[in-house]
Amino acid sequence: MKPSPKALIIAALATASCALGGGALVMAQPEEQAPPAPPPVAQPPPHDQALPAPPPEAAPPPDTSSDDSDNDDEPAASSAPVAAAPPKPTGPLPRPKYQVAVMQALDKVTAETERFEVPINTPIRYKTLIFIVKACETTASDEDAVDAAAHVEVISQPKAPDGGQAPPAREVFKGWMFANSPGVNLLQHPIYDAWLIACKTEIPSA
């Protein structure tokens, strides 16, 4: 049987050792591979060495809240709800008041007519009659019919004859007269007729 190469190498080494003086036989061992070196560990820099500057941060987005608020004011104003109409009053509207009543009288004996003005609470004479108007007003805008009305007092007081004494005064009419309905509450007098024409000079509301 043919010896292996390893056995031949061992035999040759033994022979050489003996020739050199019988030194210890050392058998060659295969060389072991060194383990891989660990990765280097980063060491903190010394205190006197400046640290590297951190990377710059991204700039924050611009604040557009003020611009948005300014821009929102315009659509807000345009989109604001239209103010609701004021509620209608539950009661009737007040009637406009006036300072002067326009009257017209007829003398049935002479067939003469005369138109005259009677200020509120101011006695005005027409021949033997004295007219006193206490109020003059027109209908309000929420009323169906348009009319004028005056509260009138009529006193009959003929003038005193020359050197004589005037007969006593007596009231011949007191009540409301209506311009559009003169026959509703008519002055009953044997000689004169009188009725309301209109109200004049509105009194400013308080």
N, C-alpha and C. Protein backbone atom coordinates (compact mmCIF):
# COMPACT_ATOMS: atom_id res chain seq x y z
N MET A 1 0.84 -1.18 0.00
CA MET A 1 0.00 0.00 0.00
C MET A 1 0.88 1.23 0.00
N LYS A 2 0.55 2.20 -0.83
CA LYS A 2 1.35 3.41 -0.98
C LYS A 2 1.04 4.37 0.13
N PRO A 3 2.11 4.86 0.89
CA PRO A 3 1.86 5.79 1.99
C PRO A 3 1.32 7.11 1.46
N SER A 4 0.54 7.81 2.37
CA SER A 4 -0.07 9.09 1.99
C SER A 4 0.97 10.19 2.04
N PRO A 5 0.74 11.26 1.38
CA PRO A 5 1.71 12.36 1.41
C PRO A 5 1.93 12.89 2.81
N LYS A 6 0.91 12.93 3.64
CA LYS A 6 1.07 13.42 5.01
C LYS A 6 2.02 12.55 5.80
N ALA A 7 1.89 11.23 5.60
CA ALA A 7 2.78 10.31 6.32
C ALA A 7 4.22 10.48 5.85
N LEU A 8 4.40 10.75 4.56
CA LEU A 8 5.73 10.94 4.05
C LEU A 8 6.34 12.20 4.64
N ILE A 9 5.49 13.28 4.79
CA ILE A 9 6.00 14.53 5.34
C ILE A 9 6.41 14.32 6.79
N ILE A 10 5.64 13.59 7.57
CA ILE A 10 5.94 13.34 8.98
C ILE A 10 7.26 12.55 9.10
N ALA A 11 7.40 11.59 8.24
CA ALA A 11 8.61 10.76 8.29
C ALA A 11 9.84 11.58 7.97
N ALA A 12 9.69 12.48 6.99
CA ALA A 12 10.84 13.30 6.61
C ALA A 12 11.20 14.25 7.72
N LEU A 13 10.22 14.80 8.40
CA LEU A 13 10.50 15.70 9.51
C LEU A 13 11.17 14.96 10.65
N ALA A 14 10.74 13.76 10.89
CA ALA A 14 11.34 12.98 11.97
C ALA A 14 12.80 12.68 11.66
N THR A 15 13.05 12.37 10.43
CA THR A 15 14.43 12.07 10.04
C THR A 15 15.29 13.31 10.19
N ALA A 16 14.71 14.46 9.78
CA ALA A 16 15.50 15.69 9.89
C ALA A 16 15.74 16.05 11.34
N SER A 17 14.79 15.82 12.18
CA SER A 17 14.94 16.13 13.60
C SER A 17 16.03 15.27 14.23
N CYS A 18 16.02 14.04 13.85
CA CYS A 18 17.06 13.16 14.41
C CYS A 18 18.44 13.60 13.93
N ALA A 19 18.48 14.02 12.70
CA ALA A 19 19.76 14.46 12.20
C ALA A 19 20.23 15.72 12.89
N LEU A 20 19.35 16.53 13.37
CA LEU A 20 19.73 17.77 14.04
C LEU A 20 19.97 17.57 15.52
N GLY A 21 19.85 16.48 15.98
CA GLY A 21 20.19 16.23 17.38
C GLY A 21 19.03 15.79 18.20
N GLY A 22 18.07 15.25 17.62
CA GLY A 22 16.95 14.67 18.40
C GLY A 22 16.07 15.71 19.00
N GLY A 23 15.91 16.82 18.40
CA GLY A 23 14.95 17.85 18.91
C GLY A 23 13.54 17.35 18.90
N ALA A 24 12.73 18.05 19.63
CA ALA A 24 11.32 17.64 19.74
C ALA A 24 10.68 17.78 18.38
N LEU A 25 9.90 16.81 18.15
CA LEU A 25 9.17 16.78 16.90
C LEU A 25 7.98 17.70 17.04
N VAL A 26 7.89 18.65 16.20
CA VAL A 26 6.75 19.58 16.19
C VAL A 26 6.02 19.37 14.90
N MET A 27 4.83 19.14 15.06
CA MET A 27 3.98 18.86 13.90
C MET A 27 3.34 20.16 13.44
N ALA A 28 3.51 20.37 12.21
CA ALA A 28 2.94 21.62 11.67
C ALA A 28 1.42 21.60 11.77
N GLN A 29 0.93 22.67 12.27
CA GLN A 29 -0.55 22.79 12.40
C GLN A 29 -1.05 23.82 11.37
N PRO A 30 -2.14 23.51 10.88
CA PRO A 30 -2.69 24.49 9.91
C PRO A 30 -2.98 25.84 10.62
N GLU A 31 -2.65 26.93 9.95
CA GLU A 31 -2.82 28.28 10.52
C GLU A 31 -4.30 28.66 10.61
N GLU A 32 -4.65 29.02 11.85
CA GLU A 32 -6.06 29.43 12.04
C GLU A 32 -6.26 30.87 11.57
N GLN A 33 -7.42 31.05 11.01
CA GLN A 33 -7.76 32.41 10.56
C GLN A 33 -8.17 33.28 11.74
N ALA A 34 -7.65 34.50 11.78
CA ALA A 34 -8.02 35.46 12.87
C ALA A 34 -9.47 35.93 12.71
N PRO A 35 -10.17 36.05 13.82
CA PRO A 35 -11.58 36.52 13.71
C PRO A 35 -11.62 37.95 13.19
N PRO A 36 -12.67 38.28 12.51
CA PRO A 36 -12.77 39.66 11.94
C PRO A 36 -12.80 40.69 13.06
N ALA A 37 -12.14 41.81 12.81
CA ALA A 37 -12.08 42.90 13.81
C ALA A 37 -13.45 43.55 13.96
N PRO A 38 -13.83 43.85 15.21
CA PRO A 38 -15.14 44.51 15.40
C PRO A 38 -15.14 45.90 14.79
N PRO A 39 -16.30 46.36 14.40
CA PRO A 39 -16.37 47.71 13.80
C PRO A 39 -15.98 48.76 14.82
N PRO A 40 -15.36 49.83 14.36
CA PRO A 40 -14.90 50.88 15.31
C PRO A 40 -16.10 51.55 15.96
N VAL A 41 -15.92 51.82 17.25
CA VAL A 41 -16.97 52.49 18.02
C VAL A 41 -16.71 53.99 17.99
N ALA A 42 -17.76 54.72 17.65
CA ALA A 42 -17.59 56.18 17.60
C ALA A 42 -17.37 56.73 18.99
N GLN A 43 -16.33 57.53 19.15
CA GLN A 43 -16.00 58.12 20.43
C GLN A 43 -16.50 59.57 20.46
N PRO A 44 -17.03 60.01 21.60
CA PRO A 44 -17.49 61.41 21.67
C PRO A 44 -16.32 62.36 21.51
N PRO A 45 -16.51 63.46 20.90
CA PRO A 45 -15.41 64.40 20.69
C PRO A 45 -15.01 65.03 22.01
N PRO A 46 -13.79 65.46 22.12
CA PRO A 46 -13.36 66.14 23.36
C PRO A 46 -14.16 67.41 23.59
N HIS A 47 -14.15 67.88 24.86
CA HIS A 47 -14.95 69.05 25.21
C HIS A 47 -14.50 70.30 24.48
N ASP A 48 -13.24 70.39 24.16
CA ASP A 48 -12.76 71.61 23.52
C ASP A 48 -12.96 71.60 22.03
N GLN A 49 -13.51 70.52 21.49
CA GLN A 49 -13.74 70.45 20.05
C GLN A 49 -15.20 70.80 19.77
N ALA A 50 -15.45 71.70 18.85
CA ALA A 50 -16.81 72.16 18.53
C ALA A 50 -17.60 71.05 17.87
N LEU A 51 -18.85 70.92 18.28
CA LEU A 51 -19.73 69.91 17.67
C LEU A 51 -20.14 70.38 16.29
N PRO A 52 -20.36 69.44 15.41
CA PRO A 52 -20.81 69.85 14.06
C PRO A 52 -22.19 70.49 14.15
N ALA A 53 -22.42 71.50 13.32
CA ALA A 53 -23.71 72.21 13.30
C ALA A 53 -24.80 71.30 12.81
N PRO A 54 -25.95 71.35 13.47
CA PRO A 54 -27.05 70.48 13.00
C PRO A 54 -27.54 70.95 11.64
N PRO A 55 -28.11 70.05 10.91
CA PRO A 55 -28.61 70.44 9.57
C PRO A 55 -29.70 71.48 9.72
N PRO A 56 -29.77 72.45 8.82
CA PRO A 56 -30.81 73.50 8.92
C PRO A 56 -32.20 72.91 8.80
N GLU A 57 -33.08 73.42 9.69
CA GLU A 57 -34.47 72.94 9.65
C GLU A 57 -35.22 73.65 8.53
N ALA A 58 -36.23 72.96 8.07
CA ALA A 58 -37.05 73.54 7.01
C ALA A 58 -37.83 74.73 7.57
N ALA A 59 -37.89 75.81 6.80
CA ALA A 59 -38.61 77.01 7.25
C ALA A 59 -40.09 76.72 7.37
N PRO A 60 -40.76 77.20 8.46
CA PRO A 60 -42.20 76.93 8.61
C PRO A 60 -42.98 77.64 7.52
N PRO A 61 -44.13 77.11 7.14
CA PRO A 61 -44.94 77.75 6.10
C PRO A 61 -45.39 79.11 6.57
N PRO A 62 -45.53 80.07 5.65
CA PRO A 62 -45.96 81.44 6.06
C PRO A 62 -47.34 81.42 6.66
N ASP A 63 -47.52 82.27 7.69
CA ASP A 63 -48.81 82.37 8.38
C ASP A 63 -49.76 83.20 7.52
N THR A 64 -50.75 82.56 7.00
CA THR A 64 -51.74 83.25 6.15
C THR A 64 -53.05 83.45 6.86
N SER A 65 -53.02 83.28 8.21
CA SER A 65 -54.29 83.43 8.93
C SER A 65 -54.81 84.84 8.83
N SER A 66 -53.87 85.87 8.94
CA SER A 66 -54.33 87.25 8.86
C SER A 66 -54.85 87.57 7.47
N ASP A 67 -54.12 87.03 6.42
CA ASP A 67 -54.61 87.30 5.07
C ASP A 67 -55.95 86.64 4.84
N ASP A 68 -56.07 85.40 5.36
CA ASP A 68 -57.34 84.70 5.18
C ASP A 68 -58.46 85.44 5.86
N SER A 69 -58.15 85.96 7.08
CA SER A 69 -59.20 86.68 7.79
C SER A 69 -59.61 87.93 7.04
N ASP A 70 -58.56 88.62 6.45
CA ASP A 70 -58.89 89.82 5.67
C ASP A 70 -59.70 89.46 4.44
N ASN A 71 -59.32 88.36 3.80
CA ASN A 71 -60.05 87.96 2.61
C ASN A 71 -61.43 87.46 2.95
N ASP A 72 -61.55 86.87 4.15
CA ASP A 72 -62.85 86.34 4.53
C ASP A 72 -63.83 87.43 4.88
N ASP A 73 -63.30 88.65 5.20
CA ASP A 73 -64.23 89.73 5.57
C ASP A 73 -65.13 90.10 4.42
N GLU A 74 -64.56 90.12 3.20
CA GLU A 74 -65.37 90.54 2.06
C GLU A 74 -66.49 89.55 1.78
N PRO A 75 -66.21 88.23 1.63
CA PRO A 75 -67.35 87.33 1.41
C PRO A 75 -68.28 87.28 2.59
N ALA A 76 -67.74 87.49 3.83
CA ALA A 76 -68.63 87.46 4.98
C ALA A 76 -69.61 88.60 4.91
N ALA A 77 -69.09 89.78 4.47
CA ALA A 77 -70.00 90.92 4.39
C ALA A 77 -71.04 90.71 3.30
N SER A 78 -70.60 90.12 2.16
CA SER A 78 -71.55 89.92 1.08
C SER A 78 -72.52 88.81 1.37
N SER A 79 -72.06 87.81 2.16
CA SER A 79 -72.94 86.69 2.45
C SER A 79 -73.71 86.86 3.74
N ALA A 80 -73.63 88.07 4.36
CA ALA A 80 -74.37 88.29 5.59
C ALA A 80 -75.87 88.23 5.30
N PRO A 81 -76.63 87.63 6.20
CA PRO A 81 -78.08 87.52 5.95
C PRO A 81 -78.73 88.89 5.94
N VAL A 82 -79.69 89.04 5.05
CA VAL A 82 -80.42 90.30 4.95
C VAL A 82 -81.27 90.46 6.20
N ALA A 83 -81.23 91.67 6.75
CA ALA A 83 -82.00 91.93 7.97
C ALA A 83 -83.48 91.68 7.71
N ALA A 84 -84.07 90.94 8.62
CA ALA A 84 -85.49 90.62 8.48
C ALA A 84 -86.32 91.88 8.66
N ALA A 85 -87.45 91.91 7.98
CA ALA A 85 -88.35 93.05 8.10
C ALA A 85 -88.90 93.12 9.52
N PRO A 86 -89.06 94.32 10.05
CA PRO A 86 -89.58 94.44 11.41
C PRO A 86 -90.97 93.84 11.51
N PRO A 87 -91.27 93.18 12.62
CA PRO A 87 -92.59 92.56 12.75
C PRO A 87 -93.69 93.60 12.75
N LYS A 88 -94.80 93.22 12.20
CA LYS A 88 -95.94 94.13 12.17
C LYS A 88 -96.49 94.31 13.57
N PRO A 89 -96.89 95.53 13.88
CA PRO A 89 -97.45 95.74 15.22
C PRO A 89 -98.74 94.97 15.40
N THR A 90 -98.93 94.51 16.61
CA THR A 90 -100.12 93.71 16.90
C THR A 90 -101.38 94.58 16.93
N GLY A 91 -101.25 95.84 17.37
CA GLY A 91 -102.41 96.73 17.44
C GLY A 91 -102.50 97.62 16.22
N PRO A 92 -103.56 98.41 16.12
CA PRO A 92 -103.71 99.33 14.97
C PRO A 92 -102.69 100.44 15.03
N LEU A 93 -102.32 100.93 13.86
CA LEU A 93 -101.37 102.03 13.78
C LEU A 93 -102.03 103.33 14.24
N PRO A 94 -101.25 104.24 14.80
CA PRO A 94 -101.84 105.51 15.23
C PRO A 94 -102.24 106.36 14.03
N ARG A 95 -103.30 107.12 14.21
CA ARG A 95 -103.76 108.01 13.15
C ARG A 95 -102.96 109.31 13.16
N PRO A 96 -102.62 109.83 11.99
CA PRO A 96 -101.94 111.13 11.94
C PRO A 96 -102.85 112.24 12.46
N LYS A 97 -102.27 113.12 13.25
CA LYS A 97 -103.01 114.24 13.83
C LYS A 97 -102.65 115.53 13.09
N TYR A 98 -103.61 116.46 13.02
CA TYR A 98 -103.43 117.71 12.29
C TYR A 98 -103.83 118.89 13.16
N GLN A 99 -103.32 120.07 12.76
CA GLN A 99 -103.52 121.28 13.55
C GLN A 99 -104.71 122.11 13.09
N VAL A 100 -105.15 121.89 11.88
CA VAL A 100 -106.19 122.75 11.32
C VAL A 100 -107.23 121.88 10.61
N ALA A 101 -108.50 122.25 10.81
CA ALA A 101 -109.60 121.61 10.09
C ALA A 101 -110.15 122.59 9.06
N VAL A 102 -110.36 122.10 7.85
CA VAL A 102 -110.93 122.93 6.78
C VAL A 102 -112.44 122.63 6.73
N MET A 103 -113.25 123.64 7.03
CA MET A 103 -114.70 123.51 7.08
C MET A 103 -115.35 124.27 5.91
N GLN A 104 -116.57 123.84 5.60
CA GLN A 104 -117.38 124.55 4.61
C GLN A 104 -118.80 124.65 5.15
N ALA A 105 -119.36 125.85 5.00
CA ALA A 105 -120.71 126.12 5.51
C ALA A 105 -121.60 126.64 4.37
N LEU A 106 -122.88 126.37 4.53
CA LEU A 106 -123.87 126.80 3.55
C LEU A 106 -124.97 127.58 4.26
N ASP A 107 -125.22 128.77 3.74
CA ASP A 107 -126.37 129.56 4.21
C ASP A 107 -127.55 129.18 3.33
N LYS A 108 -128.51 128.49 3.91
CA LYS A 108 -129.62 127.98 3.12
C LYS A 108 -130.60 129.08 2.73
N VAL A 109 -130.52 130.21 3.32
CA VAL A 109 -131.40 131.32 2.96
C VAL A 109 -130.88 132.03 1.72
N THR A 110 -129.58 132.30 1.72
CA THR A 110 -128.98 133.02 0.60
C THR A 110 -128.29 132.09 -0.40
N ALA A 111 -128.16 130.80 -0.07
CA ALA A 111 -127.48 129.82 -0.94
C ALA A 111 -126.01 130.15 -1.12
N GLU A 112 -125.46 130.83 -0.17
CA GLU A 112 -124.04 131.16 -0.22
C GLU A 112 -123.24 130.10 0.55
N THR A 113 -122.10 129.73 0.00
CA THR A 113 -121.19 128.80 0.67
C THR A 113 -119.89 129.53 0.98
N GLU A 114 -119.29 129.10 2.02
CA GLU A 114 -118.02 129.70 2.43
C GLU A 114 -117.13 128.61 3.03
N ARG A 115 -115.88 128.63 2.62
CA ARG A 115 -114.89 127.68 3.17
C ARG A 115 -113.93 128.45 4.06
N PHE A 116 -113.65 127.89 5.21
CA PHE A 116 -112.78 128.58 6.17
C PHE A 116 -112.00 127.53 6.97
N GLU A 117 -110.96 127.99 7.61
CA GLU A 117 -110.10 127.10 8.40
C GLU A 117 -110.33 127.35 9.88
N VAL A 118 -110.30 126.26 10.64
CA VAL A 118 -110.50 126.33 12.09
C VAL A 118 -109.31 125.67 12.77
N PRO A 119 -108.39 126.41 13.35
CA PRO A 119 -107.29 125.80 14.11
C PRO A 119 -107.83 125.07 15.35
N ILE A 120 -107.07 124.08 15.80
CA ILE A 120 -107.49 123.29 16.95
C ILE A 120 -107.64 124.20 18.18
N ASN A 121 -108.78 124.04 18.85
CA ASN A 121 -109.10 124.76 20.10
C ASN A 121 -109.11 126.28 19.93
N THR A 122 -109.43 126.74 18.73
CA THR A 122 -109.53 128.19 18.48
C THR A 122 -110.94 128.49 17.93
N PRO A 123 -111.77 129.20 18.66
CA PRO A 123 -113.12 129.50 18.17
C PRO A 123 -113.09 130.40 16.93
N ILE A 124 -113.85 129.98 15.90
CA ILE A 124 -113.96 130.74 14.66
C ILE A 124 -115.46 130.98 14.39
N ARG A 125 -115.79 132.25 14.15
CA ARG A 125 -117.20 132.60 13.92
C ARG A 125 -117.52 132.55 12.43
N TYR A 126 -118.68 131.96 12.16
CA TYR A 126 -119.28 132.02 10.82
C TYR A 126 -120.72 132.51 11.01
N LYS A 127 -120.92 133.81 10.70
CA LYS A 127 -122.21 134.46 10.89
C LYS A 127 -122.65 134.31 12.34
N THR A 128 -123.71 133.58 12.60
CA THR A 128 -124.18 133.46 13.98
C THR A 128 -123.68 132.18 14.66
N LEU A 129 -122.80 131.43 13.97
CA LEU A 129 -122.29 130.17 14.53
C LEU A 129 -120.83 130.34 14.92
N ILE A 130 -120.44 129.65 15.98
CA ILE A 130 -119.05 129.61 16.42
C ILE A 130 -118.58 128.15 16.38
N PHE A 131 -117.52 127.91 15.62
CA PHE A 131 -116.97 126.56 15.44
C PHE A 131 -115.73 126.40 16.31
N ILE A 132 -115.69 125.30 17.06
CA ILE A 132 -114.52 124.94 17.88
C ILE A 132 -114.15 123.50 17.53
N VAL A 133 -112.97 123.30 17.00
CA VAL A 133 -112.50 121.96 16.61
C VAL A 133 -111.57 121.45 17.71
N LYS A 134 -111.90 120.28 18.24
CA LYS A 134 -111.10 119.67 19.31
C LYS A 134 -110.02 118.73 18.77
N ALA A 135 -110.25 118.12 17.60
CA ALA A 135 -109.27 117.19 17.02
C ALA A 135 -109.56 117.04 15.54
N CYS A 136 -108.50 116.82 14.79
CA CYS A 136 -108.63 116.56 13.35
C CYS A 136 -107.58 115.51 12.98
N GLU A 137 -107.99 114.43 12.35
CA GLU A 137 -107.07 113.33 12.05
C GLU A 137 -107.52 112.62 10.78
N THR A 138 -106.62 111.87 10.22
CA THR A 138 -106.92 111.05 9.04
C THR A 138 -106.73 109.57 9.39
N THR A 139 -107.24 108.72 8.55
CA THR A 139 -107.12 107.28 8.80
C THR A 139 -105.67 106.84 8.67
N ALA A 140 -105.31 105.78 9.38
CA ALA A 140 -103.94 105.24 9.33
C ALA A 140 -103.75 104.42 8.06
N SER A 141 -102.49 104.09 7.78
CA SER A 141 -102.16 103.36 6.54
C SER A 141 -102.68 101.93 6.55
N ASP A 142 -102.97 101.37 7.72
CA ASP A 142 -103.45 99.99 7.76
C ASP A 142 -104.98 99.91 7.71
N GLU A 143 -105.66 101.04 7.59
CA GLU A 143 -107.12 101.03 7.48
C GLU A 143 -107.53 100.94 6.02
N ASP A 144 -108.64 100.29 5.79
CA ASP A 144 -109.10 100.07 4.41
C ASP A 144 -109.54 101.38 3.75
N ALA A 145 -110.41 102.13 4.39
CA ALA A 145 -110.92 103.37 3.82
C ALA A 145 -110.03 104.54 4.18
N VAL A 146 -109.91 105.48 3.24
CA VAL A 146 -109.13 106.70 3.46
C VAL A 146 -110.13 107.83 3.72
N ASP A 147 -109.98 108.48 4.88
CA ASP A 147 -110.94 109.51 5.25
C ASP A 147 -110.29 110.46 6.25
N ALA A 148 -110.94 111.60 6.44
CA ALA A 148 -110.54 112.58 7.45
C ALA A 148 -111.72 112.79 8.39
N ALA A 149 -111.39 112.98 9.67
CA ALA A 149 -112.44 113.15 10.67
C ALA A 149 -112.04 114.25 11.63
N ALA A 150 -113.04 115.01 12.09
CA ALA A 150 -112.78 116.11 13.03
C ALA A 150 -113.88 116.11 14.08
N HIS A 151 -113.45 116.32 15.31
CA HIS A 151 -114.42 116.46 16.41
C HIS A 151 -114.72 117.96 16.55
N VAL A 152 -115.98 118.31 16.29
CA VAL A 152 -116.37 119.70 16.17
C VAL A 152 -117.47 120.02 17.17
N GLU A 153 -117.37 121.20 17.74
CA GLU A 153 -118.45 121.76 18.55
C GLU A 153 -118.94 123.04 17.88
N VAL A 154 -120.26 123.16 17.73
CA VAL A 154 -120.84 124.33 17.09
C VAL A 154 -121.79 125.00 18.09
N ILE A 155 -121.56 126.25 18.32
CA ILE A 155 -122.37 127.04 19.26
C ILE A 155 -123.09 128.14 18.48
N SER A 156 -124.36 128.24 18.70
CA SER A 156 -125.16 129.30 18.08
C SER A 156 -125.19 130.50 19.03
N GLN A 157 -124.71 131.64 18.56
CA GLN A 157 -124.68 132.86 19.37
C GLN A 157 -124.78 134.07 18.43
N PRO A 158 -125.98 134.50 18.17
CA PRO A 158 -126.12 135.68 17.32
C PRO A 158 -125.46 136.89 17.95
N LYS A 159 -125.08 137.82 17.12
CA LYS A 159 -124.44 139.03 17.61
C LYS A 159 -125.49 139.91 18.31
N ALA A 160 -125.03 140.64 19.28
CA ALA A 160 -125.95 141.52 20.01
C ALA A 160 -126.34 142.70 19.13
N PRO A 161 -127.59 143.06 19.12
CA PRO A 161 -128.00 144.25 18.35
C PRO A 161 -127.40 145.51 18.95
N ASP A 162 -127.40 146.54 18.15
CA ASP A 162 -126.81 147.79 18.63
C ASP A 162 -127.52 148.26 19.90
N GLY A 163 -126.74 148.41 20.92
CA GLY A 163 -127.29 148.86 22.19
C GLY A 163 -128.08 147.81 22.93
N GLY A 164 -128.12 146.60 22.39
CA GLY A 164 -128.88 145.56 23.06
C GLY A 164 -127.99 144.47 23.63
N GLN A 165 -128.64 143.47 24.16
CA GLN A 165 -127.93 142.36 24.80
C GLN A 165 -128.02 141.14 23.89
N ALA A 166 -126.94 140.42 23.75
CA ALA A 166 -126.89 139.24 22.90
C ALA A 166 -127.69 138.12 23.52
N PRO A 167 -128.39 137.37 22.70
CA PRO A 167 -129.12 136.24 23.25
C PRO A 167 -128.16 135.21 23.82
N PRO A 168 -128.59 134.37 24.72
CA PRO A 168 -127.68 133.38 25.30
C PRO A 168 -127.20 132.37 24.25
N ALA A 169 -125.97 131.95 24.41
CA ALA A 169 -125.39 130.96 23.49
C ALA A 169 -125.92 129.57 23.81
N ARG A 170 -126.05 128.80 22.78
CA ARG A 170 -126.50 127.41 22.98
C ARG A 170 -125.75 126.50 22.00
N GLU A 171 -125.48 125.32 22.45
CA GLU A 171 -124.76 124.34 21.62
C GLU A 171 -125.74 123.67 20.68
N VAL A 172 -125.39 123.72 19.39
CA VAL A 172 -126.29 123.12 18.39
C VAL A 172 -125.68 121.86 17.77
N PHE A 173 -124.37 121.60 17.99
CA PHE A 173 -123.76 120.38 17.45
C PHE A 173 -122.52 120.06 18.25
N LYS A 174 -122.32 118.76 18.46
CA LYS A 174 -121.10 118.27 19.10
C LYS A 174 -120.90 116.83 18.67
N GLY A 175 -119.78 116.57 18.00
CA GLY A 175 -119.50 115.20 17.56
C GLY A 175 -118.48 115.18 16.43
N TRP A 176 -118.35 113.99 15.84
CA TRP A 176 -117.38 113.78 14.77
C TRP A 176 -118.04 114.04 13.41
N MET A 177 -117.33 114.77 12.56
CA MET A 177 -117.70 114.96 11.17
C MET A 177 -116.69 114.24 10.29
N PHE A 178 -117.18 113.67 9.17
CA PHE A 178 -116.33 112.89 8.27
C PHE A 178 -116.34 113.54 6.89
N ALA A 179 -115.14 113.72 6.34
CA ALA A 179 -115.03 114.42 5.06
C ALA A 179 -115.67 113.63 3.93
N ASN A 180 -115.49 112.31 3.89
CA ASN A 180 -116.03 111.51 2.80
C ASN A 180 -117.48 111.09 3.04
N SER A 181 -117.99 111.33 4.23
CA SER A 181 -119.39 110.97 4.53
C SER A 181 -120.03 112.12 5.30
N PRO A 182 -120.28 113.24 4.63
CA PRO A 182 -120.84 114.39 5.36
C PRO A 182 -122.25 114.15 5.89
N GLY A 183 -122.97 113.24 5.31
CA GLY A 183 -124.33 113.00 5.78
C GLY A 183 -124.42 112.06 6.96
N VAL A 184 -123.28 111.46 7.42
CA VAL A 184 -123.34 110.52 8.54
C VAL A 184 -123.69 111.24 9.82
N ASN A 185 -123.08 112.37 10.09
CA ASN A 185 -123.34 113.12 11.33
C ASN A 185 -123.42 114.60 10.94
N LEU A 186 -124.60 115.00 10.48
CA LEU A 186 -124.78 116.31 9.88
C LEU A 186 -125.24 117.33 10.91
N LEU A 187 -124.80 118.55 10.72
CA LEU A 187 -125.27 119.65 11.56
C LEU A 187 -126.75 119.91 11.26
N GLN A 188 -127.59 119.83 12.28
CA GLN A 188 -129.02 120.09 12.13
C GLN A 188 -129.32 121.53 12.58
N HIS A 189 -129.51 122.39 11.58
CA HIS A 189 -129.79 123.81 11.87
C HIS A 189 -130.76 124.33 10.81
N PRO A 190 -131.71 125.18 11.24
CA PRO A 190 -132.71 125.64 10.26
C PRO A 190 -132.15 126.57 9.19
N ILE A 191 -131.02 127.21 9.42
CA ILE A 191 -130.50 128.18 8.46
C ILE A 191 -129.20 127.72 7.83
N TYR A 192 -128.34 127.01 8.56
CA TYR A 192 -126.99 126.70 8.09
C TYR A 192 -126.76 125.17 8.03
N ASP A 193 -125.94 124.83 7.06
CA ASP A 193 -125.33 123.50 6.99
C ASP A 193 -123.81 123.68 7.06
N ALA A 194 -123.15 122.72 7.63
CA ALA A 194 -121.68 122.77 7.72
C ALA A 194 -121.13 121.35 7.69
N TRP A 195 -119.97 121.18 7.09
CA TRP A 195 -119.34 119.86 7.00
C TRP A 195 -117.82 120.01 6.90
N LEU A 196 -117.13 118.91 7.12
CA LEU A 196 -115.66 118.89 7.09
C LEU A 196 -115.18 118.64 5.67
N ILE A 197 -114.16 119.40 5.27
CA ILE A 197 -113.54 119.20 3.95
C ILE A 197 -112.26 118.37 4.07
N ALA A 198 -111.35 118.75 4.98
CA ALA A 198 -110.07 118.05 5.11
C ALA A 198 -109.37 118.50 6.38
N CYS A 199 -108.28 117.82 6.68
CA CYS A 199 -107.40 118.22 7.78
C CYS A 199 -106.11 118.78 7.16
N LYS A 200 -105.52 119.76 7.83
CA LYS A 200 -104.39 120.48 7.26
C LYS A 200 -103.31 120.68 8.32
N THR A 201 -102.06 120.68 7.86
CA THR A 201 -100.88 120.92 8.71
C THR A 201 -100.75 119.83 9.77
N GLU A 202 -100.06 118.77 9.37
CA GLU A 202 -99.90 117.61 10.27
C GLU A 202 -99.05 117.98 11.48
N ILE A 203 -99.44 117.45 12.61
CA ILE A 203 -98.69 117.63 13.84
C ILE A 203 -97.56 116.60 13.88
N PRO A 204 -96.30 117.01 14.08
CA PRO A 204 -95.20 116.03 14.13
C PRO A 204 -95.43 115.04 15.26
N SER A 205 -95.15 113.76 14.96
CA SER A 205 -95.31 112.72 15.98
C SER A 205 -94.20 112.85 16.99
N ALA A 206 -94.52 112.47 18.25
CA ALA A 206 -93.55 112.58 19.35
C ALA A 206 -92.46 111.54 19.18
